[in-house]
Every structure is written in C-alpha cells, then in structure tokens.
Amino acid sequence: MKADLNSEKVSLIQWLAAVNDQDIIDRLIAIREQDSSVDVKGISSTERKSIEKGIAQAQNGRLNPNSKAKEIYGKWL
C-alpha cells in the first residue's frame, strides 16, 4: 500500500506542476493551510472541527472559567 501512496503522490506532483489555473492553486494552498493549522496526527475531521471551533470561541472571548468547568464536569473527575 505504501507504494500506491507514493505513486499517487508522484502523480499529484506531476499534475500540479502542469496546473496553470490560479483558482486551483489558491484552493490547494487553503487546504494545506487548513491541514497544518492543527498539528495533531490521528484525529478525525470531526475532532479537528471541534478543536477549531473552540479556538475560534476563545479568540472571540467566549471562555468559561475553570470553576464553571469543574461545576459541569466535576462528577466525572
């Protein structure tokens, strides 16, 4: 399977080298930036989206103090 993956990578590189459409390049750059925004391996896309949502909430000041978290989740701690 590793050989198949490497073959696909080479095929994509060759295709990308021939692309002249700026829109495609921009979309690929966006995918690369999105993929590298969370440097955690082995998480699902659902988990990644949840993390990104939490980061956005924190950046917008929508945070709860630790005491609130203890109140909500204390019975499991």
PDB file of N, CA and C in Angstrom:
ATOM      1  N   MET A   1       0.820  -1.198   0.000  1.00  0.00           N
ATOM      2  CA  MET A   1       0.000   0.000   0.000  1.00  0.00           C
ATOM      3  C   MET A   1       0.863   1.261   0.000  1.00  0.00           C
ATOM      4  N   LYS A   2       2.027   1.200   0.649  1.00  0.00           N
ATOM      5  CA  LYS A   2       2.908   2.352   0.675  1.00  0.00           C
ATOM      6  C   LYS A   2       3.353   2.742  -0.731  1.00  0.00           C
ATOM      7  N   ALA A   3       3.603   1.754  -1.572  1.00  0.00           N
ATOM      8  CA  ALA A   3       3.990   2.032  -2.958  1.00  0.00           C
ATOM      9  C   ALA A   3       2.865   2.747  -3.691  1.00  0.00           C
ATOM     10  N   ASP A   4       1.621   2.343  -3.423  1.00  0.00           N
ATOM     11  CA  ASP A   4       0.480   3.014  -4.043  1.00  0.00           C
ATOM     12  C   ASP A   4       0.404   4.468  -3.606  1.00  0.00           C
ATOM     13  N   LEU A   5       0.648   4.719  -2.330  1.00  0.00           N
ATOM     14  CA  LEU A   5       0.615   6.076  -1.807  1.00  0.00           C
ATOM     15  C   LEU A   5       1.701   6.920  -2.463  1.00  0.00           C
ATOM     16  N   ASN A   6       2.890   6.393  -2.537  1.00  0.00           N
ATOM     17  CA  ASN A   6       3.987   7.126  -3.175  1.00  0.00           C
ATOM     18  C   ASN A   6       3.708   7.369  -4.649  1.00  0.00           C
ATOM     19  N   SER A   7       3.124   6.412  -5.315  1.00  0.00           N
ATOM     20  CA  SER A   7       2.762   6.566  -6.719  1.00  0.00           C
ATOM     21  C   SER A   7       1.731   7.681  -6.885  1.00  0.00           C
ATOM     22  N   GLU A   8       0.757   7.720  -5.993  1.00  0.00           N
ATOM     23  CA  GLU A   8      -0.263   8.777  -6.039  1.00  0.00           C
ATOM     24  C   GLU A   8       0.366  10.145  -5.791  1.00  0.00           C
ATOM     25  N   LYS A   9       1.303  10.220  -4.866  1.00  0.00           N
ATOM     26  CA  LYS A   9       1.976  11.485  -4.584  1.00  0.00           C
ATOM     27  C   LYS A   9       2.719  11.987  -5.821  1.00  0.00           C
ATOM     28  N   VAL A  10       3.455  11.105  -6.455  1.00  0.00           N
ATOM     29  CA  VAL A  10       4.200  11.475  -7.661  1.00  0.00           C
ATOM     30  C   VAL A  10       3.241  11.937  -8.749  1.00  0.00           C
ATOM     31  N   SER A  11       2.148  11.225  -8.904  1.00  0.00           N
ATOM     32  CA  SER A  11       1.147  11.594  -9.901  1.00  0.00           C
ATOM     33  C   SER A  11       0.575  12.983  -9.612  1.00  0.00           C
ATOM     34  N   LEU A  12       0.283  13.255  -8.343  1.00  0.00           N
ATOM     35  CA  LEU A  12      -0.237  14.578  -7.965  1.00  0.00           C
ATOM     36  C   LEU A  12       0.797  15.673  -8.205  1.00  0.00           C
ATOM     37  N   ILE A  13       2.044  15.407  -7.885  1.00  0.00           N
ATOM     38  CA  ILE A  13       3.103  16.390  -8.107  1.00  0.00           C
ATOM     39  C   ILE A  13       3.231  16.713  -9.592  1.00  0.00           C
ATOM     40  N   GLN A  14       3.188  15.694 -10.426  1.00  0.00           N
ATOM     41  CA  GLN A  14       3.276  15.907 -11.873  1.00  0.00           C
ATOM     42  C   GLN A  14       2.078  16.714 -12.368  1.00  0.00           C
ATOM     43  N   TRP A  15       0.894  16.382 -11.876  1.00  0.00           N
ATOM     44  CA  TRP A  15      -0.301  17.116 -12.270  1.00  0.00           C
ATOM     45  C   TRP A  15      -0.204  18.566 -11.821  1.00  0.00           C
ATOM     46  N   LEU A  16       0.213  18.774 -10.560  1.00  0.00           N
ATOM     47  CA  LEU A  16       0.302  20.122 -10.015  1.00  0.00           C
ATOM     48  C   LEU A  16       1.303  20.975 -10.793  1.00  0.00           C
ATOM     49  N   ALA A  17       2.386  20.377 -11.223  1.00  0.00           N
ATOM     50  CA  ALA A  17       3.395  21.108 -11.989  1.00  0.00           C
ATOM     51  C   ALA A  17       2.823  21.653 -13.294  1.00  0.00           C
ATOM     52  N   ALA A  18       1.789  21.010 -13.822  1.00  0.00           N
ATOM     53  CA  ALA A  18       1.198  21.435 -15.091  1.00  0.00           C
ATOM     54  C   ALA A  18      -0.011  22.355 -14.913  1.00  0.00           C
ATOM     55  N   VAL A  19      -0.472  22.546 -13.675  1.00  0.00           N
ATOM     56  CA  VAL A  19      -1.658  23.376 -13.427  1.00  0.00           C
ATOM     57  C   VAL A  19      -1.315  24.841 -13.650  1.00  0.00           C
ATOM     58  N   ASN A  20      -2.169  25.527 -14.423  1.00  0.00           N
ATOM     59  CA  ASN A  20      -1.990  26.952 -14.681  1.00  0.00           C
ATOM     60  C   ASN A  20      -3.167  27.778 -14.181  1.00  0.00           C
ATOM     61  N   ASP A  21      -4.091  27.155 -13.495  1.00  0.00           N
ATOM     62  CA  ASP A  21      -5.294  27.822 -13.005  1.00  0.00           C
ATOM     63  C   ASP A  21      -5.048  28.331 -11.578  1.00  0.00           C
ATOM     64  N   GLN A  22      -5.021  29.656 -11.410  1.00  0.00           N
ATOM     65  CA  GLN A  22      -4.735  30.251 -10.105  1.00  0.00           C
ATOM     66  C   GLN A  22      -5.771  29.851  -9.059  1.00  0.00           C
ATOM     67  N   ASP A  23      -7.021  29.672  -9.470  1.00  0.00           N
ATOM     68  CA  ASP A  23      -8.069  29.269  -8.530  1.00  0.00           C
ATOM     69  C   ASP A  23      -7.757  27.900  -7.915  1.00  0.00           C
ATOM     70  N   ILE A  24      -7.293  26.984  -8.728  1.00  0.00           N
ATOM     71  CA  ILE A  24      -6.931  25.650  -8.219  1.00  0.00           C
ATOM     72  C   ILE A  24      -5.753  25.767  -7.259  1.00  0.00           C
ATOM     73  N   ILE A  25      -4.769  26.555  -7.616  1.00  0.00           N
ATOM     74  CA  ILE A  25      -3.608  26.753  -6.745  1.00  0.00           C
ATOM     75  C   ILE A  25      -4.050  27.357  -5.415  1.00  0.00           C
ATOM     76  N   ASP A  26      -4.921  28.370  -5.461  1.00  0.00           N
ATOM     77  CA  ASP A  26      -5.414  29.003  -4.234  1.00  0.00           C
ATOM     78  C   ASP A  26      -6.167  28.014  -3.355  1.00  0.00           C
ATOM     79  N   ARG A  27      -6.983  27.162  -3.967  1.00  0.00           N
ATOM     80  CA  ARG A  27      -7.732  26.165  -3.193  1.00  0.00           C
ATOM     81  C   ARG A  27      -6.794  25.147  -2.558  1.00  0.00           C
ATOM     82  N   LEU A  28      -5.770  24.744  -3.278  1.00  0.00           N
ATOM     83  CA  LEU A  28      -4.798  23.800  -2.719  1.00  0.00           C
ATOM     84  C   LEU A  28      -4.017  24.428  -1.564  1.00  0.00           C
ATOM     85  N   ILE A  29      -3.672  25.694  -1.698  1.00  0.00           N
ATOM     86  CA  ILE A  29      -2.986  26.399  -0.615  1.00  0.00           C
ATOM     87  C   ILE A  29      -3.888  26.462   0.611  1.00  0.00           C
ATOM     88  N   ALA A  30      -5.172  26.744   0.408  1.00  0.00           N
ATOM     89  CA  ALA A  30      -6.118  26.791   1.531  1.00  0.00           C
ATOM     90  C   ALA A  30      -6.216  25.434   2.223  1.00  0.00           C
ATOM     91  N   ILE A  31      -6.235  24.370   1.446  1.00  0.00           N
ATOM     92  CA  ILE A  31      -6.272  23.019   2.028  1.00  0.00           C
ATOM     93  C   ILE A  31      -5.011  22.773   2.845  1.00  0.00           C
ATOM     94  N   ARG A  32      -3.869  23.148   2.296  1.00  0.00           N
ATOM     95  CA  ARG A  32      -2.604  22.945   3.008  1.00  0.00           C
ATOM     96  C   ARG A  32      -2.578  23.734   4.313  1.00  0.00           C
ATOM     97  N   GLU A  33      -3.034  24.984   4.276  1.00  0.00           N
ATOM     98  CA  GLU A  33      -3.047  25.807   5.486  1.00  0.00           C
ATOM     99  C   GLU A  33      -4.026  25.262   6.511  1.00  0.00           C
ATOM    100  N   GLN A  34      -5.176  24.819   6.056  1.00  0.00           N
ATOM    101  CA  GLN A  34      -6.167  24.250   6.963  1.00  0.00           C
ATOM    102  C   GLN A  34      -5.623  22.981   7.607  1.00  0.00           C
ATOM    103  N   ASP A  35      -4.972  22.164   6.832  1.00  0.00           N
ATOM    104  CA  ASP A  35      -4.445  20.900   7.335  1.00  0.00           C
ATOM    105  C   ASP A  35      -3.329  21.121   8.343  1.00  0.00           C
ATOM    106  N   SER A  36      -2.530  22.149   8.157  1.00  0.00           N
ATOM    107  CA  SER A  36      -1.410  22.376   9.062  1.00  0.00           C
ATOM    108  C   SER A  36      -1.771  23.277  10.226  1.00  0.00           C
ATOM    109  N   SER A  37      -3.010  23.798  10.263  1.00  0.00           N
ATOM    110  CA  SER A  37      -3.387  24.688  11.356  1.00  0.00           C
ATOM    111  C   SER A  37      -3.466  23.967  12.686  1.00  0.00           C
ATOM    112  N   VAL A  38      -3.719  22.686  12.667  1.00  0.00           N
ATOM    113  CA  VAL A  38      -3.716  21.874  13.878  1.00  0.00           C
ATOM    114  C   VAL A  38      -2.724  20.745  13.638  1.00  0.00           C
ATOM    115  N   ASP A  39      -1.617  20.783  14.357  1.00  0.00           N
ATOM    116  CA  ASP A  39      -0.559  19.809  14.108  1.00  0.00           C
ATOM    117  C   ASP A  39      -0.713  18.609  15.041  1.00  0.00           C
ATOM    118  N   VAL A  40      -1.804  17.896  14.875  1.00  0.00           N
ATOM    119  CA  VAL A  40      -2.067  16.707  15.678  1.00  0.00           C
ATOM    120  C   VAL A  40      -2.380  15.578  14.716  1.00  0.00           C
ATOM    121  N   LYS A  41      -1.662  14.492  14.855  1.00  0.00           N
ATOM    122  CA  LYS A  41      -1.883  13.361  13.956  1.00  0.00           C
ATOM    123  C   LYS A  41      -2.877  12.390  14.580  1.00  0.00           C
ATOM    124  N   GLY A  42      -3.655  11.758  13.732  1.00  0.00           N
ATOM    125  CA  GLY A  42      -4.543  10.703  14.195  1.00  0.00           C
ATOM    126  C   GLY A  42      -5.874  11.166  14.740  1.00  0.00           C
ATOM    127  N   ILE A  43      -6.261  12.420  14.477  1.00  0.00           N
ATOM    128  CA  ILE A  43      -7.583  12.846  14.931  1.00  0.00           C
ATOM    129  C   ILE A  43      -8.524  12.892  13.737  1.00  0.00           C
ATOM    130  N   SER A  44      -9.783  12.687  14.018  1.00  0.00           N
ATOM    131  CA  SER A  44     -10.774  12.685  12.948  1.00  0.00           C
ATOM    132  C   SER A  44     -11.091  14.112  12.518  1.00  0.00           C
ATOM    133  N   SER A  45     -11.751  14.245  11.383  1.00  0.00           N
ATOM    134  CA  SER A  45     -12.144  15.577  10.915  1.00  0.00           C
ATOM    135  C   SER A  45     -13.150  16.201  11.873  1.00  0.00           C
ATOM    136  N   THR A  46     -13.994  15.379  12.500  1.00  0.00           N
ATOM    137  CA  THR A  46     -14.958  15.888  13.483  1.00  0.00           C
ATOM    138  C   THR A  46     -14.223  16.459  14.689  1.00  0.00           C
ATOM    139  N   GLU A  47     -13.208  15.744  15.156  1.00  0.00           N
ATOM    140  CA  GLU A  47     -12.418  16.235  16.286  1.00  0.00           C
ATOM    141  C   GLU A  47     -11.678  17.510  15.910  1.00  0.00           C
ATOM    142  N   ARG A  48     -11.123  17.533  14.697  1.00  0.00           N
ATOM    143  CA  ARG A  48     -10.402  18.720  14.227  1.00  0.00           C
ATOM    144  C   ARG A  48     -11.338  19.930  14.165  1.00  0.00           C
ATOM    145  N   LYS A  49     -12.556  19.728  13.648  1.00  0.00           N
ATOM    146  CA  LYS A  49     -13.526  20.824  13.563  1.00  0.00           C
ATOM    147  C   LYS A  49     -13.901  21.319  14.952  1.00  0.00           C
ATOM    148  N   SER A  50     -14.050  20.400  15.899  1.00  0.00           N
ATOM    149  CA  SER A  50     -14.384  20.774  17.268  1.00  0.00           C
ATOM    150  C   SER A  50     -13.265  21.610  17.889  1.00  0.00           C
ATOM    151  N   ILE A  51     -12.032  21.214  17.648  1.00  0.00           N
ATOM    152  CA  ILE A  51     -10.885  21.970  18.156  1.00  0.00           C
ATOM    153  C   ILE A  51     -10.857  23.357  17.536  1.00  0.00           C
ATOM    154  N   GLU A  52     -11.061  23.434  16.228  1.00  0.00           N
ATOM    155  CA  GLU A  52     -11.050  24.726  15.541  1.00  0.00           C
ATOM    156  C   GLU A  52     -12.177  25.623  16.040  1.00  0.00           C
ATOM    157  N   LYS A  53     -13.346  25.028  16.322  1.00  0.00           N
ATOM    158  CA  LYS A  53     -14.472  25.792  16.865  1.00  0.00           C
ATOM    159  C   LYS A  53     -14.100  26.359  18.231  1.00  0.00           C
ATOM    160  N   GLY A  54     -13.468  25.549  19.068  1.00  0.00           N
ATOM    161  CA  GLY A  54     -13.041  26.007  20.390  1.00  0.00           C
ATOM    162  C   GLY A  54     -12.022  27.126  20.311  1.00  0.00           C
ATOM    163  N   ILE A  55     -11.091  27.010  19.384  1.00  0.00           N
ATOM    164  CA  ILE A  55     -10.090  28.062  19.202  1.00  0.00           C
ATOM    165  C   ILE A  55     -10.768  29.358  18.777  1.00  0.00           C
ATOM    166  N   ALA A  56     -11.711  29.271  17.847  1.00  0.00           N
ATOM    167  CA  ALA A  56     -12.436  30.461  17.384  1.00  0.00           C
ATOM    168  C   ALA A  56     -13.217  31.091  18.531  1.00  0.00           C
ATOM    169  N   GLN A  57     -13.860  30.269  19.357  1.00  0.00           N
ATOM    170  CA  GLN A  57     -14.603  30.792  20.505  1.00  0.00           C
ATOM    171  C   GLN A  57     -13.660  31.511  21.469  1.00  0.00           C
ATOM    172  N   ALA A  58     -12.501  30.924  21.726  1.00  0.00           N
ATOM    173  CA  ALA A  58     -11.532  31.547  22.627  1.00  0.00           C
ATOM    174  C   ALA A  58     -11.033  32.871  22.058  1.00  0.00           C
ATOM    175  N   GLN A  59     -10.775  32.904  20.755  1.00  0.00           N
ATOM    176  CA  GLN A  59     -10.302  34.133  20.121  1.00  0.00           C
ATOM    177  C   GLN A  59     -11.357  35.232  20.166  1.00  0.00           C
ATOM    178  N   ASN A  60     -12.631  34.837  20.239  1.00  0.00           N
ATOM    179  CA  ASN A  60     -13.726  35.805  20.316  1.00  0.00           C
ATOM    180  C   ASN A  60     -14.108  36.124  21.758  1.00  0.00           C
ATOM    181  N   GLY A  61     -13.315  35.633  22.718  1.00  0.00           N
ATOM    182  CA  GLY A  61     -13.556  35.942  24.120  1.00  0.00           C
ATOM    183  C   GLY A  61     -14.651  35.123  24.772  1.00  0.00           C
ATOM    184  N   ARG A  62     -15.121  34.105  24.101  1.00  0.00           N
ATOM    185  CA  ARG A  62     -16.190  33.271  24.652  1.00  0.00           C
ATOM    186  C   ARG A  62     -15.561  32.127  25.442  1.00  0.00           C
ATOM    187  N   LEU A  63     -15.118  32.453  26.664  1.00  0.00           N
ATOM    188  CA  LEU A  63     -14.438  31.496  27.526  1.00  0.00           C
ATOM    189  C   LEU A  63     -15.214  31.320  28.824  1.00  0.00           C
ATOM    190  N   ASN A  64     -15.041  30.184  29.459  1.00  0.00           N
ATOM    191  CA  ASN A  64     -15.613  29.927  30.774  1.00  0.00           C
ATOM    192  C   ASN A  64     -14.469  29.680  31.748  1.00  0.00           C
ATOM    193  N   PRO A  65     -14.624  30.140  32.995  1.00  0.00           N
ATOM    194  CA  PRO A  65     -13.565  29.909  33.976  1.00  0.00           C
ATOM    195  C   PRO A  65     -13.485  28.433  34.366  1.00  0.00           C
ATOM    196  N   ASN A  66     -12.363  28.053  34.941  1.00  0.00           N
ATOM    197  CA  ASN A  66     -12.145  26.678  35.375  1.00  0.00           C
ATOM    198  C   ASN A  66     -13.215  26.237  36.377  1.00  0.00           C
ATOM    199  N   SER A  67     -13.671  27.153  37.220  1.00  0.00           N
ATOM    200  CA  SER A  67     -14.696  26.806  38.216  1.00  0.00           C
ATOM    201  C   SER A  67     -15.985  26.348  37.541  1.00  0.00           C
ATOM    202  N   LYS A  68     -16.328  26.948  36.419  1.00  0.00           N
ATOM    203  CA  LYS A  68     -17.523  26.542  35.668  1.00  0.00           C
ATOM    204  C   LYS A  68     -17.335  25.133  35.097  1.00  0.00           C
ATOM    205  N   ALA A  69     -16.145  24.852  34.576  1.00  0.00           N
ATOM    206  CA  ALA A  69     -15.861  23.516  34.042  1.00  0.00           C
ATOM    207  C   ALA A  69     -15.947  22.474  35.149  1.00  0.00           C
ATOM    208  N   LYS A  70     -15.401  22.791  36.330  1.00  0.00           N
ATOM    209  CA  LYS A  70     -15.476  21.856  37.462  1.00  0.00           C
ATOM    210  C   LYS A  70     -16.921  21.607  37.865  1.00  0.00           C
ATOM    211  N   GLU A  71     -17.729  22.662  37.832  1.00  0.00           N
ATOM    212  CA  GLU A  71     -19.151  22.538  38.185  1.00  0.00           C
ATOM    213  C   GLU A  71     -19.868  21.596  37.209  1.00  0.00           C
ATOM    214  N   ILE A  72     -19.577  21.746  35.937  1.00  0.00           N
ATOM    215  CA  ILE A  72     -20.244  20.938  34.912  1.00  0.00           C
ATOM    216  C   ILE A  72     -19.724  19.503  34.912  1.00  0.00           C
ATOM    217  N   TYR A  73     -18.404  19.337  34.955  1.00  0.00           N
ATOM    218  CA  TYR A  73     -17.798  18.020  34.755  1.00  0.00           C
ATOM    219  C   TYR A  73     -17.277  17.379  36.040  1.00  0.00           C
ATOM    220  N   GLY A  74     -17.498  18.024  37.177  1.00  0.00           N
ATOM    221  CA  GLY A  74     -16.968  17.539  38.448  1.00  0.00           C
ATOM    222  C   GLY A  74     -17.359  16.121  38.802  1.00  0.00           C
ATOM    223  N   LYS A  75     -18.558  15.725  38.429  1.00  0.00           N
ATOM    224  CA  LYS A  75     -18.999  14.377  38.799  1.00  0.00           C
ATOM    225  C   LYS A  75     -18.204  13.287  38.088  1.00  0.00           C
ATOM    226  N   TRP A  76     -17.509  13.631  37.010  1.00  0.00           N
ATOM    227  CA  TRP A  76     -16.706  12.643  36.285  1.00  0.00           C
ATOM    228  C   TRP A  76     -15.223  12.719  36.652  1.00  0.00           C
ATOM    229  N   LEU A  77     -14.858  13.707  37.442  1.00  0.00           N
ATOM    230  CA  LEU A  77     -13.435  13.871  37.794  1.00  0.00           C
ATOM    231  C   LEU A  77     -13.091  13.139  39.059  1.00  0.00           C
TER     232      LEU A  77
END
